[in-house]
Amino acid sequence: DKAVLDAALAGGAQKVEHHEIASYGTLIDWARELGREDCAAVLAETLAEEKATDQKLTAIAEARLNRRAEMAVD
């Protein structure tokens, strides 16, 4: 069903975002350990963008996609 597929795709996109969030967090730590606050600052901006994208995906999934998928399988 299309609704189930849409929910699954959103879930997959969130998995990617979570991987990216973890990766940027690690890179920020490494940059700081190396004394590269300039790099850490740029990476922190990207991390904030990734977190915002994850929040948007969560909101969309919770508001629409998950409910439609549940109705499709009931």
PDB file of N, CA and C in Angstrom:
ATOM      1  N   ASP A   1       0.844  -1.179   0.000  1.00  0.00           N
ATOM      2  CA  ASP A   1       0.000   0.000   0.000  1.00  0.00           C
ATOM      3  C   ASP A   1       0.888   1.241   0.000  1.00  0.00           C
ATOM      4  N   LYS A   2       0.456   2.267  -0.717  1.00  0.00           N
ATOM      5  CA  LYS A   2       1.238   3.499  -0.828  1.00  0.00           C
ATOM      6  C   LYS A   2       1.464   4.173   0.534  1.00  0.00           C
ATOM      7  N   ALA A   3       0.451   4.161   1.375  1.00  0.00           N
ATOM      8  CA  ALA A   3       0.588   4.803   2.693  1.00  0.00           C
ATOM      9  C   ALA A   3       1.645   4.099   3.538  1.00  0.00           C
ATOM     10  N   VAL A   4       1.681   2.797   3.479  1.00  0.00           N
ATOM     11  CA  VAL A   4       2.680   2.032   4.232  1.00  0.00           C
ATOM     12  C   VAL A   4       4.069   2.304   3.664  1.00  0.00           C
ATOM     13  N   LEU A   5       4.171   2.345   2.353  1.00  0.00           N
ATOM     14  CA  LEU A   5       5.452   2.633   1.713  1.00  0.00           C
ATOM     15  C   LEU A   5       5.945   4.030   2.086  1.00  0.00           C
ATOM     16  N   ASP A   6       5.053   5.012   2.089  1.00  0.00           N
ATOM     17  CA  ASP A   6       5.440   6.379   2.472  1.00  0.00           C
ATOM     18  C   ASP A   6       5.977   6.423   3.902  1.00  0.00           C
ATOM     19  N   ALA A   7       5.309   5.730   4.815  1.00  0.00           N
ATOM     20  CA  ALA A   7       5.770   5.690   6.207  1.00  0.00           C
ATOM     21  C   ALA A   7       7.132   5.000   6.301  1.00  0.00           C
ATOM     22  N   ALA A   8       7.313   3.931   5.534  1.00  0.00           N
ATOM     23  CA  ALA A   8       8.597   3.224   5.548  1.00  0.00           C
ATOM     24  C   ALA A   8       9.713   4.088   4.986  1.00  0.00           C
ATOM     25  N   LEU A   9       9.423   4.835   3.940  1.00  0.00           N
ATOM     26  CA  LEU A   9      10.434   5.726   3.367  1.00  0.00           C
ATOM     27  C   LEU A   9      10.826   6.831   4.351  1.00  0.00           C
ATOM     28  N   ALA A  10       9.843   7.383   5.041  1.00  0.00           N
ATOM     29  CA  ALA A  10      10.149   8.404   6.053  1.00  0.00           C
ATOM     30  C   ALA A  10      10.993   7.816   7.167  1.00  0.00           C
ATOM     31  N   GLY A  11      10.675   6.586   7.567  1.00  0.00           N
ATOM     32  CA  GLY A  11      11.475   5.920   8.596  1.00  0.00           C
ATOM     33  C   GLY A  11      12.899   5.690   8.139  1.00  0.00           C
ATOM     34  N   GLY A  12      13.062   5.301   6.883  1.00  0.00           N
ATOM     35  CA  GLY A  12      14.404   5.119   6.329  1.00  0.00           C
ATOM     36  C   GLY A  12      15.178   6.422   6.297  1.00  0.00           C
ATOM     37  N   ALA A  13      14.498   7.504   5.927  1.00  0.00           N
ATOM     38  CA  ALA A  13      15.153   8.809   5.905  1.00  0.00           C
ATOM     39  C   ALA A  13      15.585   9.219   7.305  1.00  0.00           C
ATOM     40  N   GLN A  14      14.774   8.903   8.300  1.00  0.00           N
ATOM     41  CA  GLN A  14      15.151   9.220   9.673  1.00  0.00           C
ATOM     42  C   GLN A  14      16.362   8.415  10.115  1.00  0.00           C
ATOM     43  N   LYS A  15      16.461   7.179   9.683  1.00  0.00           N
ATOM     44  CA  LYS A  15      17.643   6.384  10.019  1.00  0.00           C
ATOM     45  C   LYS A  15      18.901   7.039   9.469  1.00  0.00           C
ATOM     46  N   VAL A  16      18.812   7.541   8.252  1.00  0.00           N
ATOM     47  CA  VAL A  16      19.951   8.240   7.647  1.00  0.00           C
ATOM     48  C   VAL A  16      20.294   9.480   8.460  1.00  0.00           C
ATOM     49  N   GLU A  17      19.282  10.247   8.832  1.00  0.00           N
ATOM     50  CA  GLU A  17      19.517  11.458   9.627  1.00  0.00           C
ATOM     51  C   GLU A  17      20.179  11.113  10.958  1.00  0.00           C
ATOM     52  N   HIS A  18      19.742  10.048  11.608  1.00  0.00           N
ATOM     53  CA  HIS A  18      20.328   9.664  12.900  1.00  0.00           C
ATOM     54  C   HIS A  18      21.794   9.271  12.733  1.00  0.00           C
ATOM     55  N   HIS A  19      22.103   8.589  11.651  1.00  0.00           N
ATOM     56  CA  HIS A  19      23.494   8.238  11.364  1.00  0.00           C
ATOM     57  C   HIS A  19      24.313   9.513  11.153  1.00  0.00           C
ATOM     58  N   GLU A  20      23.773  10.446  10.395  1.00  0.00           N
ATOM     59  CA  GLU A  20      24.489  11.701  10.146  1.00  0.00           C
ATOM     60  C   GLU A  20      24.675  12.497  11.430  1.00  0.00           C
ATOM     61  N   ILE A  21      23.653  12.524  12.279  1.00  0.00           N
ATOM     62  CA  ILE A  21      23.754  13.250  13.550  1.00  0.00           C
ATOM     63  C   ILE A  21      24.874  12.657  14.406  1.00  0.00           C
ATOM     64  N   ALA A  22      24.923  11.344  14.495  1.00  0.00           N
ATOM     65  CA  ALA A  22      25.985  10.692  15.269  1.00  0.00           C
ATOM     66  C   ALA A  22      27.358  10.985  14.666  1.00  0.00           C
ATOM     67  N   SER A  23      27.446  10.955  13.359  1.00  0.00           N
ATOM     68  CA  SER A  23      28.727  11.203  12.681  1.00  0.00           C
ATOM     69  C   SER A  23      29.216  12.626  12.903  1.00  0.00           C
ATOM     70  N   TYR A  24      28.309  13.594  12.764  1.00  0.00           N
ATOM     71  CA  TYR A  24      28.728  14.981  12.976  1.00  0.00           C
ATOM     72  C   TYR A  24      29.126  15.225  14.424  1.00  0.00           C
ATOM     73  N   GLY A  25      28.418  14.590  15.366  1.00  0.00           N
ATOM     74  CA  GLY A  25      28.805  14.727  16.768  1.00  0.00           C
ATOM     75  C   GLY A  25      30.214  14.232  17.006  1.00  0.00           C
ATOM     76  N   THR A  26      30.556  13.100  16.417  1.00  0.00           N
ATOM     77  CA  THR A  26      31.910  12.555  16.541  1.00  0.00           C
ATOM     78  C   THR A  26      32.935  13.481  15.906  1.00  0.00           C
ATOM     79  N   LEU A  27      32.629  13.974  14.716  1.00  0.00           N
ATOM     80  CA  LEU A  27      33.566  14.867  14.030  1.00  0.00           C
ATOM     81  C   LEU A  27      33.801  16.160  14.811  1.00  0.00           C
ATOM     82  N   ILE A  28      32.762  16.665  15.448  1.00  0.00           N
ATOM     83  CA  ILE A  28      32.910  17.872  16.272  1.00  0.00           C
ATOM     84  C   ILE A  28      33.848  17.589  17.434  1.00  0.00           C
ATOM     85  N   ASP A  29      33.660  16.463  18.082  1.00  0.00           N
ATOM     86  CA  ASP A  29      34.553  16.094  19.191  1.00  0.00           C
ATOM     87  C   ASP A  29      36.001  15.981  18.723  1.00  0.00           C
ATOM     88  N   TRP A  30      36.205  15.325  17.589  1.00  0.00           N
ATOM     89  CA  TRP A  30      37.566  15.180  17.063  1.00  0.00           C
ATOM     90  C   TRP A  30      38.176  16.540  16.725  1.00  0.00           C
ATOM     91  N   ALA A  31      37.390  17.397  16.103  1.00  0.00           N
ATOM     92  CA  ALA A  31      37.897  18.725  15.744  1.00  0.00           C
ATOM     93  C   ALA A  31      38.310  19.488  16.999  1.00  0.00           C
ATOM     94  N   ARG A  32      37.518  19.401  18.036  1.00  0.00           N
ATOM     95  CA  ARG A  32      37.852  20.092  19.288  1.00  0.00           C
ATOM     96  C   ARG A  32      39.106  19.500  19.934  1.00  0.00           C
ATOM     97  N   GLU A  33      39.227  18.183  19.885  1.00  0.00           N
ATOM     98  CA  GLU A  33      40.431  17.529  20.427  1.00  0.00           C
ATOM     99  C   GLU A  33      41.685  18.005  19.697  1.00  0.00           C
ATOM    100  N   LEU A  34      41.534  18.292  18.423  1.00  0.00           N
ATOM    101  CA  LEU A  34      42.669  18.763  17.616  1.00  0.00           C
ATOM    102  C   LEU A  34      42.855  20.282  17.694  1.00  0.00           C
ATOM    103  N   GLY A  35      42.034  20.929  18.522  1.00  0.00           N
ATOM    104  CA  GLY A  35      42.154  22.370  18.679  1.00  0.00           C
ATOM    105  C   GLY A  35      41.597  23.157  17.499  1.00  0.00           C
ATOM    106  N   ARG A  36      40.724  22.550  16.716  1.00  0.00           N
ATOM    107  CA  ARG A  36      40.171  23.205  15.527  1.00  0.00           C
ATOM    108  C   ARG A  36      38.735  23.653  15.794  1.00  0.00           C
ATOM    109  N   GLU A  37      38.612  24.668  16.628  1.00  0.00           N
ATOM    110  CA  GLU A  37      37.288  25.212  16.930  1.00  0.00           C
ATOM    111  C   GLU A  37      36.622  25.771  15.676  1.00  0.00           C
ATOM    112  N   ASP A  38      37.431  26.249  14.719  1.00  0.00           N
ATOM    113  CA  ASP A  38      36.857  26.761  13.469  1.00  0.00           C
ATOM    114  C   ASP A  38      36.114  25.649  12.732  1.00  0.00           C
ATOM    115  N   CYS A  39      36.711  24.497  12.652  1.00  0.00           N
ATOM    116  CA  CYS A  39      36.078  23.345  11.999  1.00  0.00           C
ATOM    117  C   CYS A  39      34.889  22.863  12.818  1.00  0.00           C
ATOM    118  N   ALA A  40      35.048  22.821  14.133  1.00  0.00           N
ATOM    119  CA  ALA A  40      33.964  22.370  15.008  1.00  0.00           C
ATOM    120  C   ALA A  40      32.741  23.266  14.848  1.00  0.00           C
ATOM    121  N   ALA A  41      32.958  24.551  14.684  1.00  0.00           N
ATOM    122  CA  ALA A  41      31.842  25.482  14.531  1.00  0.00           C
ATOM    123  C   ALA A  41      31.073  25.221  13.239  1.00  0.00           C
ATOM    124  N   VAL A  42      31.791  24.976  12.155  1.00  0.00           N
ATOM    125  CA  VAL A  42      31.134  24.685  10.874  1.00  0.00           C
ATOM    126  C   VAL A  42      30.372  23.369  10.972  1.00  0.00           C
ATOM    127  N   LEU A  43      31.000  22.371  11.571  1.00  0.00           N
ATOM    128  CA  LEU A  43      30.345  21.084  11.736  1.00  0.00           C
ATOM    129  C   LEU A  43      29.120  21.193  12.641  1.00  0.00           C
ATOM    130  N   ALA A  44      29.193  22.051  13.655  1.00  0.00           N
ATOM    131  CA  ALA A  44      28.058  22.248  14.558  1.00  0.00           C
ATOM    132  C   ALA A  44      26.867  22.857  13.817  1.00  0.00           C
ATOM    133  N   GLU A  45      27.131  23.732  12.874  1.00  0.00           N
ATOM    134  CA  GLU A  45      26.044  24.301  12.058  1.00  0.00           C
ATOM    135  C   GLU A  45      25.356  23.197  11.258  1.00  0.00           C
ATOM    136  N   THR A  46      26.159  22.341  10.661  1.00  0.00           N
ATOM    137  CA  THR A  46      25.595  21.235   9.882  1.00  0.00           C
ATOM    138  C   THR A  46      24.836  20.272  10.783  1.00  0.00           C
ATOM    139  N   LEU A  47      25.366  20.014  11.971  1.00  0.00           N
ATOM    140  CA  LEU A  47      24.684  19.154  12.929  1.00  0.00           C
ATOM    141  C   LEU A  47      23.312  19.725  13.275  1.00  0.00           C
ATOM    142  N   ALA A  48      23.236  21.021  13.481  1.00  0.00           N
ATOM    143  CA  ALA A  48      21.951  21.662  13.793  1.00  0.00           C
ATOM    144  C   ALA A  48      20.966  21.490  12.632  1.00  0.00           C
ATOM    145  N   GLU A  49      21.452  21.581  11.404  1.00  0.00           N
ATOM    146  CA  GLU A  49      20.599  21.380  10.233  1.00  0.00           C
ATOM    147  C   GLU A  49      20.077  19.947  10.177  1.00  0.00           C
ATOM    148  N   GLU A  50      20.946  18.991  10.472  1.00  0.00           N
ATOM    149  CA  GLU A  50      20.544  17.581  10.459  1.00  0.00           C
ATOM    150  C   GLU A  50      19.494  17.307  11.532  1.00  0.00           C
ATOM    151  N   LYS A  51      19.671  17.894  12.701  1.00  0.00           N
ATOM    152  CA  LYS A  51      18.688  17.720  13.772  1.00  0.00           C
ATOM    153  C   LYS A  51      17.352  18.334  13.388  1.00  0.00           C
ATOM    154  N   ALA A  52      17.384  19.493  12.731  1.00  0.00           N
ATOM    155  CA  ALA A  52      16.146  20.143  12.293  1.00  0.00           C
ATOM    156  C   ALA A  52      15.427  19.280  11.246  1.00  0.00           C
ATOM    157  N   THR A  53      16.182  18.693  10.344  1.00  0.00           N
ATOM    158  CA  THR A  53      15.590  17.814   9.336  1.00  0.00           C
ATOM    159  C   THR A  53      14.954  16.605  10.002  1.00  0.00           C
ATOM    160  N   ASP A  54      15.623  16.023  10.981  1.00  0.00           N
ATOM    161  CA  ASP A  54      15.073  14.889  11.702  1.00  0.00           C
ATOM    162  C   ASP A  54      13.769  15.270  12.401  1.00  0.00           C
ATOM    163  N   GLN A  55      13.742  16.439  13.008  1.00  0.00           N
ATOM    164  CA  GLN A  55      12.521  16.892  13.688  1.00  0.00           C
ATOM    165  C   GLN A  55      11.376  17.071  12.694  1.00  0.00           C
ATOM    166  N   LYS A  56      11.677  17.595  11.506  1.00  0.00           N
ATOM    167  CA  LYS A  56      10.639  17.759  10.478  1.00  0.00           C
ATOM    168  C   LYS A  56      10.107  16.404  10.029  1.00  0.00           C
ATOM    169  N   LEU A  57      11.015  15.458   9.812  1.00  0.00           N
ATOM    170  CA  LEU A  57      10.579  14.122   9.412  1.00  0.00           C
ATOM    171  C   LEU A  57       9.722  13.475  10.488  1.00  0.00           C
ATOM    172  N   THR A  58      10.100  13.652  11.736  1.00  0.00           N
ATOM    173  CA  THR A  58       9.319  13.110  12.844  1.00  0.00           C
ATOM    174  C   THR A  58       7.930  13.734  12.868  1.00  0.00           C
ATOM    175  N   ALA A  59       7.864  15.035  12.710  1.00  0.00           N
ATOM    176  CA  ALA A  59       6.570  15.729  12.736  1.00  0.00           C
ATOM    177  C   ALA A  59       5.673  15.259  11.597  1.00  0.00           C
ATOM    178  N   ILE A  60       6.225  15.108  10.418  1.00  0.00           N
ATOM    179  CA  ILE A  60       5.440  14.648   9.273  1.00  0.00           C
ATOM    180  C   ILE A  60       4.951  13.226   9.499  1.00  0.00           C
ATOM    181  N   ALA A  61       5.848  12.374   9.971  1.00  0.00           N
ATOM    182  CA  ALA A  61       5.476  10.979  10.213  1.00  0.00           C
ATOM    183  C   ALA A  61       4.375  10.887  11.269  1.00  0.00           C
ATOM    184  N   GLU A  62       4.541  11.619  12.357  1.00  0.00           N
ATOM    185  CA  GLU A  62       3.566  11.539  13.438  1.00  0.00           C
ATOM    186  C   GLU A  62       2.224  12.162  13.049  1.00  0.00           C
ATOM    187  N   ALA A  63       2.273  13.230  12.273  1.00  0.00           N
ATOM    188  CA  ALA A  63       1.054  13.946  11.921  1.00  0.00           C
ATOM    189  C   ALA A  63       0.242  13.246  10.836  1.00  0.00           C
ATOM    190  N   ARG A  64       0.941  12.586   9.906  1.00  0.00           N
ATOM    191  CA  ARG A  64       0.210  12.050   8.762  1.00  0.00           C
ATOM    192  C   ARG A  64       0.576  10.624   8.398  1.00  0.00           C
ATOM    193  N   LEU A  65       1.830  10.393   8.121  1.00  0.00           N
ATOM    194  CA  LEU A  65       2.236   9.143   7.491  1.00  0.00           C
ATOM    195  C   LEU A  65       1.944   7.914   8.328  1.00  0.00           C
ATOM    196  N   ASN A  66       2.273   7.965   9.608  1.00  0.00           N
ATOM    197  CA  ASN A  66       2.071   6.780  10.451  1.00  0.00           C
ATOM    198  C   ASN A  66       0.588   6.442  10.588  1.00  0.00           C
ATOM    199  N   ARG A  67      -0.245   7.470  10.728  1.00  0.00           N
ATOM    200  CA  ARG A  67      -1.685   7.222  10.866  1.00  0.00           C
ATOM    201  C   ARG A  67      -2.262   6.612   9.589  1.00  0.00           C
ATOM    202  N   ARG A  68      -1.862   7.158   8.446  1.00  0.00           N
ATOM    203  CA  ARG A  68      -2.337   6.617   7.171  1.00  0.00           C
ATOM    204  C   ARG A  68      -1.899   5.165   7.001  1.00  0.00           C
ATOM    205  N   ALA A  69      -0.666   4.880   7.394  1.00  0.00           N
ATOM    206  CA  ALA A  69      -0.167   3.514   7.275  1.00  0.00           C
ATOM    207  C   ALA A  69      -0.941   2.579   8.198  1.00  0.00           C
ATOM    208  N   GLU A  70      -1.229   3.038   9.412  1.00  0.00           N
ATOM    209  CA  GLU A  70      -1.995   2.210  10.347  1.00  0.00           C
ATOM    210  C   GLU A  70      -3.388   1.906   9.798  1.00  0.00           C
ATOM    211  N   MET A  71      -4.019   2.921   9.203  1.00  0.00           N
ATOM    212  CA  MET A  71      -5.349   2.736   8.651  1.00  0.00           C
ATOM    213  C   MET A  71      -5.303   1.770   7.462  1.00  0.00           C
ATOM    214  N   ALA A  72      -4.212   1.784   6.727  1.00  0.00           N
ATOM    215  CA  ALA A  72      -4.096   0.922   5.537  1.00  0.00           C
ATOM    216  C   ALA A  72      -3.978  -0.538   5.918  1.00  0.00           C
ATOM    217  N   VAL A  73      -3.363  -0.812   7.062  1.00  0.00           N
ATOM    218  CA  VAL A  73      -3.159  -2.214   7.439  1.00  0.00           C
ATOM    219  C   VAL A  73      -4.267  -2.750   8.352  1.00  0.00           C
ATOM    220  N   ASP A  74      -5.118  -1.869   8.834  1.00  0.00           N
ATOM    221  CA  ASP A  74      -6.242  -2.320   9.704  1.00  0.00           C
ATOM    222  C   ASP A  74      -7.306  -3.002   8.901  1.00  0.00           C
TER     223      ASP A  74
END
